[in-house]
Amino acid sequence: MKKIVRKTKLFMDTVVDIKVVTSKSNDETEASINRAFDFFRQVEDACSRFSLKSEVMKACKQINTPIAISPFLFEPLKFALEVANWTNGIFDPTVGQLMENAGFNQNYLTEEMMRNDTADIVTYSDIFLNEQDKTLRLNKPLIIDLGAVAKGFAIDLAVNELREFDGFIVNAGGDLYAGGLDELGDKWKIGIQHPQNKEKIISTIELSNMAVCTSGSYERKSDLNPEIHHIINPKNKKSPTDLISCSIIAPYAMMADAFSTTCFLMGRKKGLALLEEIELAGILISSNLQIYQKGVDDIDD
């Protein structure tokens, strides 16, 4: 007989909720869920900008010196650099210092402070990854910010642990992967949060074996500048205002995570064109709450 098992923990400054549909024993089910949660801990230890003890922040202290890094840092950083190169730097994992300067130097929930005084002009081209020996070398002092890929990467790792279940959802603060089918044998019904009223749903989609991640300007504002939110264009150092929310549906959460940020940075017209080019589905919401969809009706499992 199938049942639902659900557990919640706090990782990566986010409430992570895992729900599975299973006929396995409670002990076996909870062991798998706990292993899935452990991936969030490992990715957080590797990629967090808010801890000076994290692998990425230790690496940022080493300039012009190749450093061996773990797969939990190498893989999301590699993907971030690929997206940065592909978008000509509109998406850029070296925005950490810009985030710091805007006041985003503490964990959203835990309020752990992180400061750094580096001021060089940097871009993704100042980061060098060596595929053969899995090393990282920085050309200049900089702060790597993997906030647009790390959570998605952790979700994807957790998903691999949970694929044995009939159905499951890994939800990390609204960014999620819906695997298999729900307890009724249907696709998972996923609500997209209303950007101006978090108690409401502005759109609903049905997913199976797909991820959906959302980037929005409504979650975090700068205390230093009311015109700045936590998504900053590295080229003009401003926060885009064309969109208020951007949800991308993709086969992998890290892909959905990165391209939700990228489309938000590009704005509605270029964002929709991007989705056409890379063949992903998305729901883009403008600042006046107009909804623009691309490929949502064509989603299949």
C-alpha atoms as a PDB file:
ATOM      1  CA  MET A   1       0.000   0.000   0.000  1.00  0.00           C
ATOM      2  CA  LYS A   2       1.369   3.385  -0.999  1.00  0.00           C
ATOM      3  CA  LYS A   3       1.788   6.126   1.567  1.00  0.00           C
ATOM      4  CA  ILE A   4       3.208   9.617   1.775  1.00  0.00           C
ATOM      5  CA  VAL A   5       6.311  10.348   3.837  1.00  0.00           C
ATOM      6  CA  ARG A   6       7.403  13.949   4.276  1.00  0.00           C
ATOM      7  CA  LYS A   7      10.336  15.574   6.053  1.00  0.00           C
ATOM      8  CA  THR A   8      11.572  19.176   6.275  1.00  0.00           C
ATOM      9  CA  LYS A   9      14.965  20.619   7.187  1.00  0.00           C
ATOM     10  CA  LEU A  10      16.798  23.933   6.887  1.00  0.00           C
ATOM     11  CA  PHE A  11      19.718  24.046   4.465  1.00  0.00           C
ATOM     12  CA  MET A  12      21.269  26.722   2.252  1.00  0.00           C
ATOM     13  CA  ASP A  13      19.263  29.442   3.984  1.00  0.00           C
ATOM     14  CA  THR A  14      16.122  27.724   2.719  1.00  0.00           C
ATOM     15  CA  VAL A  15      13.451  25.421   4.030  1.00  0.00           C
ATOM     16  CA  VAL A  16      13.940  22.156   2.141  1.00  0.00           C
ATOM     17  CA  ASP A  17      10.859  19.948   1.976  1.00  0.00           C
ATOM     18  CA  ILE A  18      11.012  16.383   0.659  1.00  0.00           C
ATOM     19  CA  LYS A  19       7.840  14.416   0.028  1.00  0.00           C
ATOM     20  CA  VAL A  20       7.761  10.863  -1.334  1.00  0.00           C
ATOM     21  CA  VAL A  21       5.055   8.438  -2.431  1.00  0.00           C
ATOM     22  CA  THR A  22       6.182   4.957  -1.481  1.00  0.00           C
ATOM     23  CA  SER A  23       5.286   1.428  -0.445  1.00  0.00           C
ATOM     24  CA  LYS A  24       8.674   0.910   1.225  1.00  0.00           C
ATOM     25  CA  SER A  25       9.147   0.603   4.978  1.00  0.00           C
ATOM     26  CA  ASN A  26       9.422   3.758   7.062  1.00  0.00           C
ATOM     27  CA  ASP A  27      13.031   2.991   7.973  1.00  0.00           C
ATOM     28  CA  GLU A  28      14.085   2.464   4.365  1.00  0.00           C
ATOM     29  CA  THR A  29      12.184   5.529   3.200  1.00  0.00           C
ATOM     30  CA  GLU A  30      13.570   7.837   5.875  1.00  0.00           C
ATOM     31  CA  ALA A  31      17.119   6.599   5.243  1.00  0.00           C
ATOM     32  CA  SER A  32      16.807   7.596   1.566  1.00  0.00           C
ATOM     33  CA  ILE A  33      15.315  10.966   2.451  1.00  0.00           C
ATOM     34  CA  ASN A  34      18.113  11.643   4.937  1.00  0.00           C
ATOM     35  CA  ARG A  35      20.725  10.813   2.279  1.00  0.00           C
ATOM     36  CA  ALA A  36      18.974  13.244  -0.054  1.00  0.00           C
ATOM     37  CA  PHE A  37      19.082  15.952   2.627  1.00  0.00           C
ATOM     38  CA  ASP A  38      22.799  15.313   3.119  1.00  0.00           C
ATOM     39  CA  PHE A  39      23.513  16.503  -0.422  1.00  0.00           C
ATOM     40  CA  PHE A  40      22.164  19.922   0.546  1.00  0.00           C
ATOM     41  CA  ARG A  41      24.585  20.031   3.472  1.00  0.00           C
ATOM     42  CA  GLN A  42      27.528  19.081   1.256  1.00  0.00           C
ATOM     43  CA  VAL A  43      26.659  21.629  -1.430  1.00  0.00           C
ATOM     44  CA  GLU A  44      26.157  24.306   1.224  1.00  0.00           C
ATOM     45  CA  ASP A  45      29.549  23.511   2.775  1.00  0.00           C
ATOM     46  CA  ALA A  46      31.123  23.810  -0.664  1.00  0.00           C
ATOM     47  CA  CYS A  47      29.269  26.745  -2.230  1.00  0.00           C
ATOM     48  CA  SER A  48      27.968  29.113   0.449  1.00  0.00           C
ATOM     49  CA  ARG A  49      29.058  32.742   0.120  1.00  0.00           C
ATOM     50  CA  PHE A  50      27.855  33.384   3.660  1.00  0.00           C
ATOM     51  CA  SER A  51      30.400  31.259   5.469  1.00  0.00           C
ATOM     52  CA  LEU A  52      34.115  32.030   5.533  1.00  0.00           C
ATOM     53  CA  LYS A  53      34.625  28.315   6.236  1.00  0.00           C
ATOM     54  CA  SER A  54      32.970  27.180   3.008  1.00  0.00           C
ATOM     55  CA  GLU A  55      35.116  25.681   0.284  1.00  0.00           C
ATOM     56  CA  VAL A  56      34.359  28.465  -2.175  1.00  0.00           C
ATOM     57  CA  MET A  57      35.206  31.279   0.258  1.00  0.00           C
ATOM     58  CA  LYS A  58      38.468  29.601   1.229  1.00  0.00           C
ATOM     59  CA  ALA A  59      39.278  29.288  -2.470  1.00  0.00           C
ATOM     60  CA  CYS A  60      38.554  32.995  -3.000  1.00  0.00           C
ATOM     61  CA  LYS A  61      41.478  33.797  -0.701  1.00  0.00           C
ATOM     62  CA  GLN A  62      43.946  32.110  -3.066  1.00  0.00           C
ATOM     63  CA  ILE A  63      44.975  34.221  -6.063  1.00  0.00           C
ATOM     64  CA  ASN A  64      46.967  32.867  -9.030  1.00  0.00           C
ATOM     65  CA  THR A  65      47.296  29.527  -7.285  1.00  0.00           C
ATOM     66  CA  PRO A  66      45.613  26.368  -8.632  1.00  0.00           C
ATOM     67  CA  ILE A  67      43.537  24.735  -5.880  1.00  0.00           C
ATOM     68  CA  ALA A  68      42.003  21.278  -6.027  1.00  0.00           C
ATOM     69  CA  ILE A  69      38.277  21.529  -5.349  1.00  0.00           C
ATOM     70  CA  SER A  70      35.572  18.974  -4.650  1.00  0.00           C
ATOM     71  CA  PRO A  71      32.894  17.940  -7.173  1.00  0.00           C
ATOM     72  CA  PHE A  72      30.366  19.784  -4.982  1.00  0.00           C
ATOM     73  CA  LEU A  73      32.055  23.041  -5.989  1.00  0.00           C
ATOM     74  CA  PHE A  74      33.550  22.121  -9.343  1.00  0.00           C
ATOM     75  CA  GLU A  75      30.334  21.006 -11.065  1.00  0.00           C
ATOM     76  CA  PRO A  76      28.081  23.997 -10.256  1.00  0.00           C
ATOM     77  CA  LEU A  77      30.936  26.439 -10.921  1.00  0.00           C
ATOM     78  CA  LYS A  78      31.653  24.782 -14.260  1.00  0.00           C
ATOM     79  CA  PHE A  79      28.008  25.101 -15.275  1.00  0.00           C
ATOM     80  CA  ALA A  80      27.854  28.718 -14.085  1.00  0.00           C
ATOM     81  CA  LEU A  81      30.893  29.582 -16.199  1.00  0.00           C
ATOM     82  CA  GLU A  82      29.365  27.869 -19.237  1.00  0.00           C
ATOM     83  CA  VAL A  83      26.189  29.931 -18.878  1.00  0.00           C
ATOM     84  CA  ALA A  84      28.275  33.076 -18.331  1.00  0.00           C
ATOM     85  CA  ASN A  85      30.254  32.442 -21.491  1.00  0.00           C
ATOM     86  CA  TRP A  86      27.116  31.618 -23.454  1.00  0.00           C
ATOM     87  CA  THR A  87      25.362  34.826 -22.327  1.00  0.00           C
ATOM     88  CA  ASN A  88      28.467  36.980 -22.760  1.00  0.00           C
ATOM     89  CA  GLY A  89      28.563  37.781 -19.064  1.00  0.00           C
ATOM     90  CA  ILE A  90      24.972  38.829 -18.422  1.00  0.00           C
ATOM     91  CA  PHE A  91      24.962  35.858 -16.089  1.00  0.00           C
ATOM     92  CA  ASP A  92      28.193  36.014 -14.100  1.00  0.00           C
ATOM     93  CA  PRO A  93      29.228  34.091 -10.955  1.00  0.00           C
ATOM     94  CA  THR A  94      31.699  36.862 -10.014  1.00  0.00           C
ATOM     95  CA  VAL A  95      28.857  39.191  -8.922  1.00  0.00           C
ATOM     96  CA  GLY A  96      29.647  38.382  -5.286  1.00  0.00           C
ATOM     97  CA  GLN A  97      31.324  41.717  -4.628  1.00  0.00           C
ATOM     98  CA  LEU A  98      28.420  43.613  -6.198  1.00  0.00           C
ATOM     99  CA  MET A  99      26.100  41.689  -3.894  1.00  0.00           C
ATOM    100  CA  GLU A 100      28.288  42.570  -0.933  1.00  0.00           C
ATOM    101  CA  ASN A 101      28.325  46.250  -1.874  1.00  0.00           C
ATOM    102  CA  ALA A 102      24.530  46.243  -2.113  1.00  0.00           C
ATOM    103  CA  GLY A 103      24.267  44.904   1.425  1.00  0.00           C
ATOM    104  CA  PHE A 104      23.578  41.263   0.601  1.00  0.00           C
ATOM    105  CA  ASN A 105      26.302  40.076   2.925  1.00  0.00           C
ATOM    106  CA  GLN A 106      24.261  38.039   5.345  1.00  0.00           C
ATOM    107  CA  ASN A 107      22.147  34.944   5.284  1.00  0.00           C
ATOM    108  CA  TYR A 108      18.487  35.728   4.647  1.00  0.00           C
ATOM    109  CA  LEU A 109      17.294  33.540   7.539  1.00  0.00           C
ATOM    110  CA  THR A 110      20.284  33.044   9.824  1.00  0.00           C
ATOM    111  CA  GLU A 111      21.796  36.527   9.471  1.00  0.00           C
ATOM    112  CA  GLU A 112      25.384  35.311   9.385  1.00  0.00           C
ATOM    113  CA  MET A 113      27.537  38.246   8.267  1.00  0.00           C
ATOM    114  CA  MET A 114      30.195  37.944   5.570  1.00  0.00           C
ATOM    115  CA  ARG A 115      32.384  40.861   4.525  1.00  0.00           C
ATOM    116  CA  ASN A 116      35.150  41.321   2.018  1.00  0.00           C
ATOM    117  CA  ASP A 117      36.862  44.496   0.856  1.00  0.00           C
ATOM    118  CA  THR A 118      38.100  43.443  -2.579  1.00  0.00           C
ATOM    119  CA  ALA A 119      37.308  46.107  -5.145  1.00  0.00           C
ATOM    120  CA  ASP A 120      38.867  44.976  -8.433  1.00  0.00           C
ATOM    121  CA  ILE A 121      36.749  44.981 -11.568  1.00  0.00           C
ATOM    122  CA  VAL A 122      36.277  41.312 -12.301  1.00  0.00           C
ATOM    123  CA  THR A 123      34.336  39.033 -14.656  1.00  0.00           C
ATOM    124  CA  TYR A 124      33.851  35.314 -15.145  1.00  0.00           C
ATOM    125  CA  SER A 125      36.936  35.338 -17.406  1.00  0.00           C
ATOM    126  CA  ASP A 126      39.047  35.771 -14.252  1.00  0.00           C
ATOM    127  CA  ILE A 127      38.078  32.249 -13.131  1.00  0.00           C
ATOM    128  CA  PHE A 128      39.976  29.296 -14.583  1.00  0.00           C
ATOM    129  CA  LEU A 129      38.882  25.673 -14.149  1.00  0.00           C
ATOM    130  CA  ASN A 130      41.112  22.785 -15.120  1.00  0.00           C
ATOM    131  CA  GLU A 131      39.000  19.819 -16.218  1.00  0.00           C
ATOM    132  CA  GLN A 132      41.822  17.285 -15.952  1.00  0.00           C
ATOM    133  CA  ASP A 133      42.927  17.828 -12.370  1.00  0.00           C
ATOM    134  CA  LYS A 134      39.725  19.547 -11.138  1.00  0.00           C
ATOM    135  CA  THR A 135      41.494  22.692  -9.957  1.00  0.00           C
ATOM    136  CA  LEU A 136      40.372  26.285  -9.639  1.00  0.00           C
ATOM    137  CA  ARG A 137      42.579  29.329 -10.201  1.00  0.00           C
ATOM    138  CA  LEU A 138      41.544  32.959  -9.746  1.00  0.00           C
ATOM    139  CA  ASN A 139      43.229  35.652 -11.803  1.00  0.00           C
ATOM    140  CA  LYS A 140      42.180  38.473  -9.450  1.00  0.00           C
ATOM    141  CA  PRO A 141      40.732  38.890  -5.964  1.00  0.00           C
ATOM    142  CA  LEU A 142      37.005  38.264  -6.313  1.00  0.00           C
ATOM    143  CA  ILE A 143      33.979  36.756  -4.614  1.00  0.00           C
ATOM    144  CA  ILE A 144      32.262  33.865  -6.340  1.00  0.00           C
ATOM    145  CA  ASP A 145      28.488  33.810  -5.948  1.00  0.00           C
ATOM    146  CA  LEU A 146      26.809  30.530  -6.903  1.00  0.00           C
ATOM    147  CA  GLY A 147      23.383  31.504  -5.632  1.00  0.00           C
ATOM    148  CA  ALA A 148      21.889  30.977  -9.107  1.00  0.00           C
ATOM    149  CA  VAL A 149      23.065  27.376  -9.491  1.00  0.00           C
ATOM    150  CA  ALA A 150      23.964  25.791  -6.138  1.00  0.00           C
ATOM    151  CA  LYS A 151      20.435  25.186  -4.906  1.00  0.00           C
ATOM    152  CA  GLY A 152      19.456  23.622  -8.208  1.00  0.00           C
ATOM    153  CA  PHE A 153      22.571  21.439  -8.116  1.00  0.00           C
ATOM    154  CA  ALA A 154      21.676  20.217  -4.619  1.00  0.00           C
ATOM    155  CA  ILE A 155      18.126  19.451  -5.760  1.00  0.00           C
ATOM    156  CA  ASP A 156      19.454  17.413  -8.681  1.00  0.00           C
ATOM    157  CA  LEU A 157      21.721  15.379  -6.403  1.00  0.00           C
ATOM    158  CA  ALA A 158      18.817  14.711  -4.044  1.00  0.00           C
ATOM    159  CA  VAL A 159      16.646  13.673  -6.981  1.00  0.00           C
ATOM    160  CA  ASN A 160      19.135  10.984  -7.990  1.00  0.00           C
ATOM    161  CA  GLU A 161      18.814   9.516  -4.505  1.00  0.00           C
ATOM    162  CA  LEU A 162      15.008   9.482  -4.647  1.00  0.00           C
ATOM    163  CA  ARG A 163      14.378   8.104  -8.143  1.00  0.00           C
ATOM    164  CA  GLU A 164      13.496   4.666  -6.715  1.00  0.00           C
ATOM    165  CA  PHE A 165      10.236   6.055  -5.318  1.00  0.00           C
ATOM    166  CA  ASP A 166       6.953   6.056  -7.241  1.00  0.00           C
ATOM    167  CA  GLY A 167       6.730   9.808  -6.839  1.00  0.00           C
ATOM    168  CA  PHE A 168       8.505  12.573  -4.972  1.00  0.00           C
ATOM    169  CA  ILE A 169       8.994  16.302  -4.699  1.00  0.00           C
ATOM    170  CA  VAL A 170      12.175  18.047  -3.591  1.00  0.00           C
ATOM    171  CA  ASN A 171      11.184  21.618  -2.788  1.00  0.00           C
ATOM    172  CA  ALA A 172      13.869  24.087  -1.709  1.00  0.00           C
ATOM    173  CA  GLY A 173      12.158  27.381  -1.002  1.00  0.00           C
ATOM    174  CA  GLY A 174       9.913  27.160  -4.063  1.00  0.00           C
ATOM    175  CA  ASP A 175      12.566  25.823  -6.428  1.00  0.00           C
ATOM    176  CA  LEU A 176      11.695  22.182  -6.946  1.00  0.00           C
ATOM    177  CA  TYR A 177      11.804  18.953  -8.865  1.00  0.00           C
ATOM    178  CA  ALA A 178       8.679  16.832  -9.213  1.00  0.00           C
ATOM    179  CA  GLY A 179       9.457  13.183  -9.901  1.00  0.00           C
ATOM    180  CA  GLY A 180       7.084  10.440 -10.977  1.00  0.00           C
ATOM    181  CA  LEU A 181       3.416  10.835 -10.066  1.00  0.00           C
ATOM    182  CA  ASP A 182       1.510  11.944  -6.988  1.00  0.00           C
ATOM    183  CA  GLU A 183      -0.377   9.665  -4.603  1.00  0.00           C
ATOM    184  CA  LEU A 184      -3.362   9.588  -6.980  1.00  0.00           C
ATOM    185  CA  GLY A 185      -1.256   8.610  -9.982  1.00  0.00           C
ATOM    186  CA  ASP A 186      -1.475  12.039 -11.586  1.00  0.00           C
ATOM    187  CA  LYS A 187       1.149  14.601 -12.512  1.00  0.00           C
ATOM    188  CA  TRP A 188       2.130  16.892  -9.666  1.00  0.00           C
ATOM    189  CA  LYS A 189       0.199  20.161  -9.604  1.00  0.00           C
ATOM    190  CA  ILE A 190       2.634  22.983  -8.868  1.00  0.00           C
ATOM    191  CA  GLY A 191       1.561  26.517  -7.999  1.00  0.00           C
ATOM    192  CA  ILE A 192       3.581  29.570  -9.027  1.00  0.00           C
ATOM    193  CA  GLN A 193       3.564  32.116  -6.205  1.00  0.00           C
ATOM    194  CA  HIS A 194       1.906  35.460  -6.805  1.00  0.00           C
ATOM    195  CA  PRO A 195       4.790  37.979  -6.759  1.00  0.00           C
ATOM    196  CA  GLN A 196       2.830  40.557  -4.768  1.00  0.00           C
ATOM    197  CA  ASN A 197       0.895  38.263  -2.430  1.00  0.00           C
ATOM    198  CA  LYS A 198       2.762  35.192  -1.216  1.00  0.00           C
ATOM    199  CA  GLU A 199      -0.481  33.705   0.113  1.00  0.00           C
ATOM    200  CA  LYS A 200      -1.838  33.433  -3.445  1.00  0.00           C
ATOM    201  CA  ILE A 201      -1.024  31.385  -6.530  1.00  0.00           C
ATOM    202  CA  ILE A 202      -0.845  33.250  -9.835  1.00  0.00           C
ATOM    203  CA  SER A 203      -0.472  30.217 -12.108  1.00  0.00           C
ATOM    204  CA  THR A 204      -0.560  26.415 -11.870  1.00  0.00           C
ATOM    205  CA  ILE A 205       1.351  23.866 -13.923  1.00  0.00           C
ATOM    206  CA  GLU A 206       1.408  20.063 -14.001  1.00  0.00           C
ATOM    207  CA  LEU A 207       4.784  18.352 -13.920  1.00  0.00           C
ATOM    208  CA  SER A 208       6.313  14.891 -13.917  1.00  0.00           C
ATOM    209  CA  ASN A 209      10.071  14.363 -13.941  1.00  0.00           C
ATOM    210  CA  MET A 210      10.740  18.054 -14.428  1.00  0.00           C
ATOM    211  CA  ALA A 211      12.096  20.957 -12.396  1.00  0.00           C
ATOM    212  CA  VAL A 212      10.753  24.461 -11.993  1.00  0.00           C
ATOM    213  CA  CYS A 213      12.753  27.308 -10.471  1.00  0.00           C
ATOM    214  CA  THR A 214      11.738  30.924  -9.976  1.00  0.00           C
ATOM    215  CA  SER A 215      13.725  34.142  -9.802  1.00  0.00           C
ATOM    216  CA  GLY A 216      11.955  37.265  -8.617  1.00  0.00           C
ATOM    217  CA  SER A 217      12.550  40.788  -7.439  1.00  0.00           C
ATOM    218  CA  TYR A 218      10.021  40.543  -4.613  1.00  0.00           C
ATOM    219  CA  GLU A 219      11.895  38.352  -2.127  1.00  0.00           C
ATOM    220  CA  ARG A 220      14.935  40.398  -1.140  1.00  0.00           C
ATOM    221  CA  LYS A 221      15.537  44.137  -1.405  1.00  0.00           C
ATOM    222  CA  SER A 222      18.704  46.012  -0.566  1.00  0.00           C
ATOM    223  CA  ASP A 223      18.645  47.923   2.714  1.00  0.00           C
ATOM    224  CA  LEU A 224      21.175  50.340   1.210  1.00  0.00           C
ATOM    225  CA  ASN A 225      19.418  51.117  -2.067  1.00  0.00           C
ATOM    226  CA  PRO A 226      15.658  50.631  -2.603  1.00  0.00           C
ATOM    227  CA  GLU A 227      16.214  50.285  -6.355  1.00  0.00           C
ATOM    228  CA  ILE A 228      18.404  47.217  -5.911  1.00  0.00           C
ATOM    229  CA  HIS A 229      17.180  43.679  -5.280  1.00  0.00           C
ATOM    230  CA  HIS A 230      19.166  40.455  -5.083  1.00  0.00           C
ATOM    231  CA  ILE A 231      19.389  40.005  -8.871  1.00  0.00           C
ATOM    232  CA  ILE A 232      21.995  42.421 -10.220  1.00  0.00           C
ATOM    233  CA  ASN A 233      23.160  42.902 -13.805  1.00  0.00           C
ATOM    234  CA  PRO A 234      26.977  42.724 -13.628  1.00  0.00           C
ATOM    235  CA  LYS A 235      27.365  44.975 -16.663  1.00  0.00           C
ATOM    236  CA  ASN A 236      25.439  48.036 -15.453  1.00  0.00           C
ATOM    237  CA  LYS A 237      25.374  47.134 -11.739  1.00  0.00           C
ATOM    238  CA  LYS A 238      21.604  47.676 -11.631  1.00  0.00           C
ATOM    239  CA  SER A 239      18.670  45.416 -10.843  1.00  0.00           C
ATOM    240  CA  PRO A 240      16.334  44.782 -13.799  1.00  0.00           C
ATOM    241  CA  THR A 241      12.749  45.986 -13.442  1.00  0.00           C
ATOM    242  CA  ASP A 242      11.121  44.703 -16.637  1.00  0.00           C
ATOM    243  CA  LEU A 243      10.061  41.461 -14.923  1.00  0.00           C
ATOM    244  CA  ILE A 244       8.933  40.795 -11.391  1.00  0.00           C
ATOM    245  CA  SER A 245       9.032  36.990 -11.599  1.00  0.00           C
ATOM    246  CA  CYS A 246      10.531  34.409 -13.941  1.00  0.00           C
ATOM    247  CA  SER A 247       9.832  30.672 -13.603  1.00  0.00           C
ATOM    248  CA  ILE A 248      11.679  28.225 -15.859  1.00  0.00           C
ATOM    249  CA  ILE A 249      10.769  24.574 -16.393  1.00  0.00           C
ATOM    250  CA  ALA A 250      13.615  22.244 -17.328  1.00  0.00           C
ATOM    251  CA  PRO A 251      14.724  18.600 -17.069  1.00  0.00           C
ATOM    252  CA  TYR A 252      17.235  19.523 -14.360  1.00  0.00           C
ATOM    253  CA  ALA A 253      16.925  21.931 -11.454  1.00  0.00           C
ATOM    254  CA  MET A 254      20.373  23.483 -11.921  1.00  0.00           C
ATOM    255  CA  MET A 255      19.415  24.342 -15.494  1.00  0.00           C
ATOM    256  CA  ALA A 256      16.073  25.815 -14.404  1.00  0.00           C
ATOM    257  CA  ASP A 257      17.807  27.695 -11.592  1.00  0.00           C
ATOM    258  CA  ALA A 258      20.435  29.307 -13.814  1.00  0.00           C
ATOM    259  CA  PHE A 259      18.115  30.218 -16.670  1.00  0.00           C
ATOM    260  CA  SER A 260      15.445  31.684 -14.418  1.00  0.00           C
ATOM    261  CA  THR A 261      18.071  34.199 -13.317  1.00  0.00           C
ATOM    262  CA  THR A 262      19.346  34.662 -16.867  1.00  0.00           C
ATOM    263  CA  CYS A 263      15.883  35.326 -18.324  1.00  0.00           C
ATOM    264  CA  PHE A 264      15.124  37.724 -15.488  1.00  0.00           C
ATOM    265  CA  LEU A 265      18.312  39.648 -16.261  1.00  0.00           C
ATOM    266  CA  MET A 266      17.511  39.749 -19.983  1.00  0.00           C
ATOM    267  CA  GLY A 267      13.944  40.974 -19.588  1.00  0.00           C
ATOM    268  CA  ARG A 268      10.742  39.802 -21.244  1.00  0.00           C
ATOM    269  CA  LYS A 269      11.537  40.036 -24.969  1.00  0.00           C
ATOM    270  CA  LYS A 270      15.070  38.666 -24.839  1.00  0.00           C
ATOM    271  CA  GLY A 271      14.081  36.169 -22.158  1.00  0.00           C
ATOM    272  CA  LEU A 272      11.296  34.696 -24.297  1.00  0.00           C
ATOM    273  CA  ALA A 273      13.664  34.587 -27.274  1.00  0.00           C
ATOM    274  CA  LEU A 274      16.187  32.760 -25.131  1.00  0.00           C
ATOM    275  CA  LEU A 275      13.615  30.154 -24.116  1.00  0.00           C
ATOM    276  CA  GLU A 276      12.783  29.627 -27.798  1.00  0.00           C
ATOM    277  CA  GLU A 277      16.462  29.137 -28.579  1.00  0.00           C
ATOM    278  CA  ILE A 278      17.228  26.679 -25.782  1.00  0.00           C
ATOM    279  CA  GLU A 279      13.838  24.947 -25.997  1.00  0.00           C
ATOM    280  CA  LEU A 280      12.789  25.428 -22.398  1.00  0.00           C
ATOM    281  CA  ALA A 281       9.388  26.401 -21.031  1.00  0.00           C
ATOM    282  CA  GLY A 282       8.776  29.386 -18.802  1.00  0.00           C
ATOM    283  CA  ILE A 283       6.332  31.742 -17.158  1.00  0.00           C
ATOM    284  CA  LEU A 284       7.482  35.361 -17.148  1.00  0.00           C
ATOM    285  CA  ILE A 285       5.530  37.956 -15.171  1.00  0.00           C
ATOM    286  CA  SER A 286       6.020  41.647 -15.871  1.00  0.00           C
ATOM    287  CA  SER A 287       6.070  44.407 -13.280  1.00  0.00           C
ATOM    288  CA  ASN A 288       2.435  45.172 -14.124  1.00  0.00           C
ATOM    289  CA  LEU A 289       1.516  41.486 -13.555  1.00  0.00           C
ATOM    290  CA  GLN A 290       1.099  40.561 -17.204  1.00  0.00           C
ATOM    291  CA  ILE A 291       1.808  36.839 -17.659  1.00  0.00           C
ATOM    292  CA  TYR A 292       3.836  35.631 -20.640  1.00  0.00           C
ATOM    293  CA  GLN A 293       4.163  31.897 -21.186  1.00  0.00           C
ATOM    294  CA  LYS A 294       6.489  29.977 -23.465  1.00  0.00           C
ATOM    295  CA  GLY A 295       6.151  26.245 -24.074  1.00  0.00           C
ATOM    296  CA  VAL A 296       4.163  25.556 -20.915  1.00  0.00           C
ATOM    297  CA  ASP A 297       1.334  23.830 -22.801  1.00  0.00           C
ATOM    298  CA  ASP A 298       3.848  21.584 -24.550  1.00  0.00           C
ATOM    299  CA  ILE A 299       5.428  20.117 -21.413  1.00  0.00           C
ATOM    300  CA  ASP A 300       5.458  16.328 -21.447  1.00  0.00           C
ATOM    301  CA  ASP A 301       7.006  13.763 -19.159  1.00  0.00           C
END
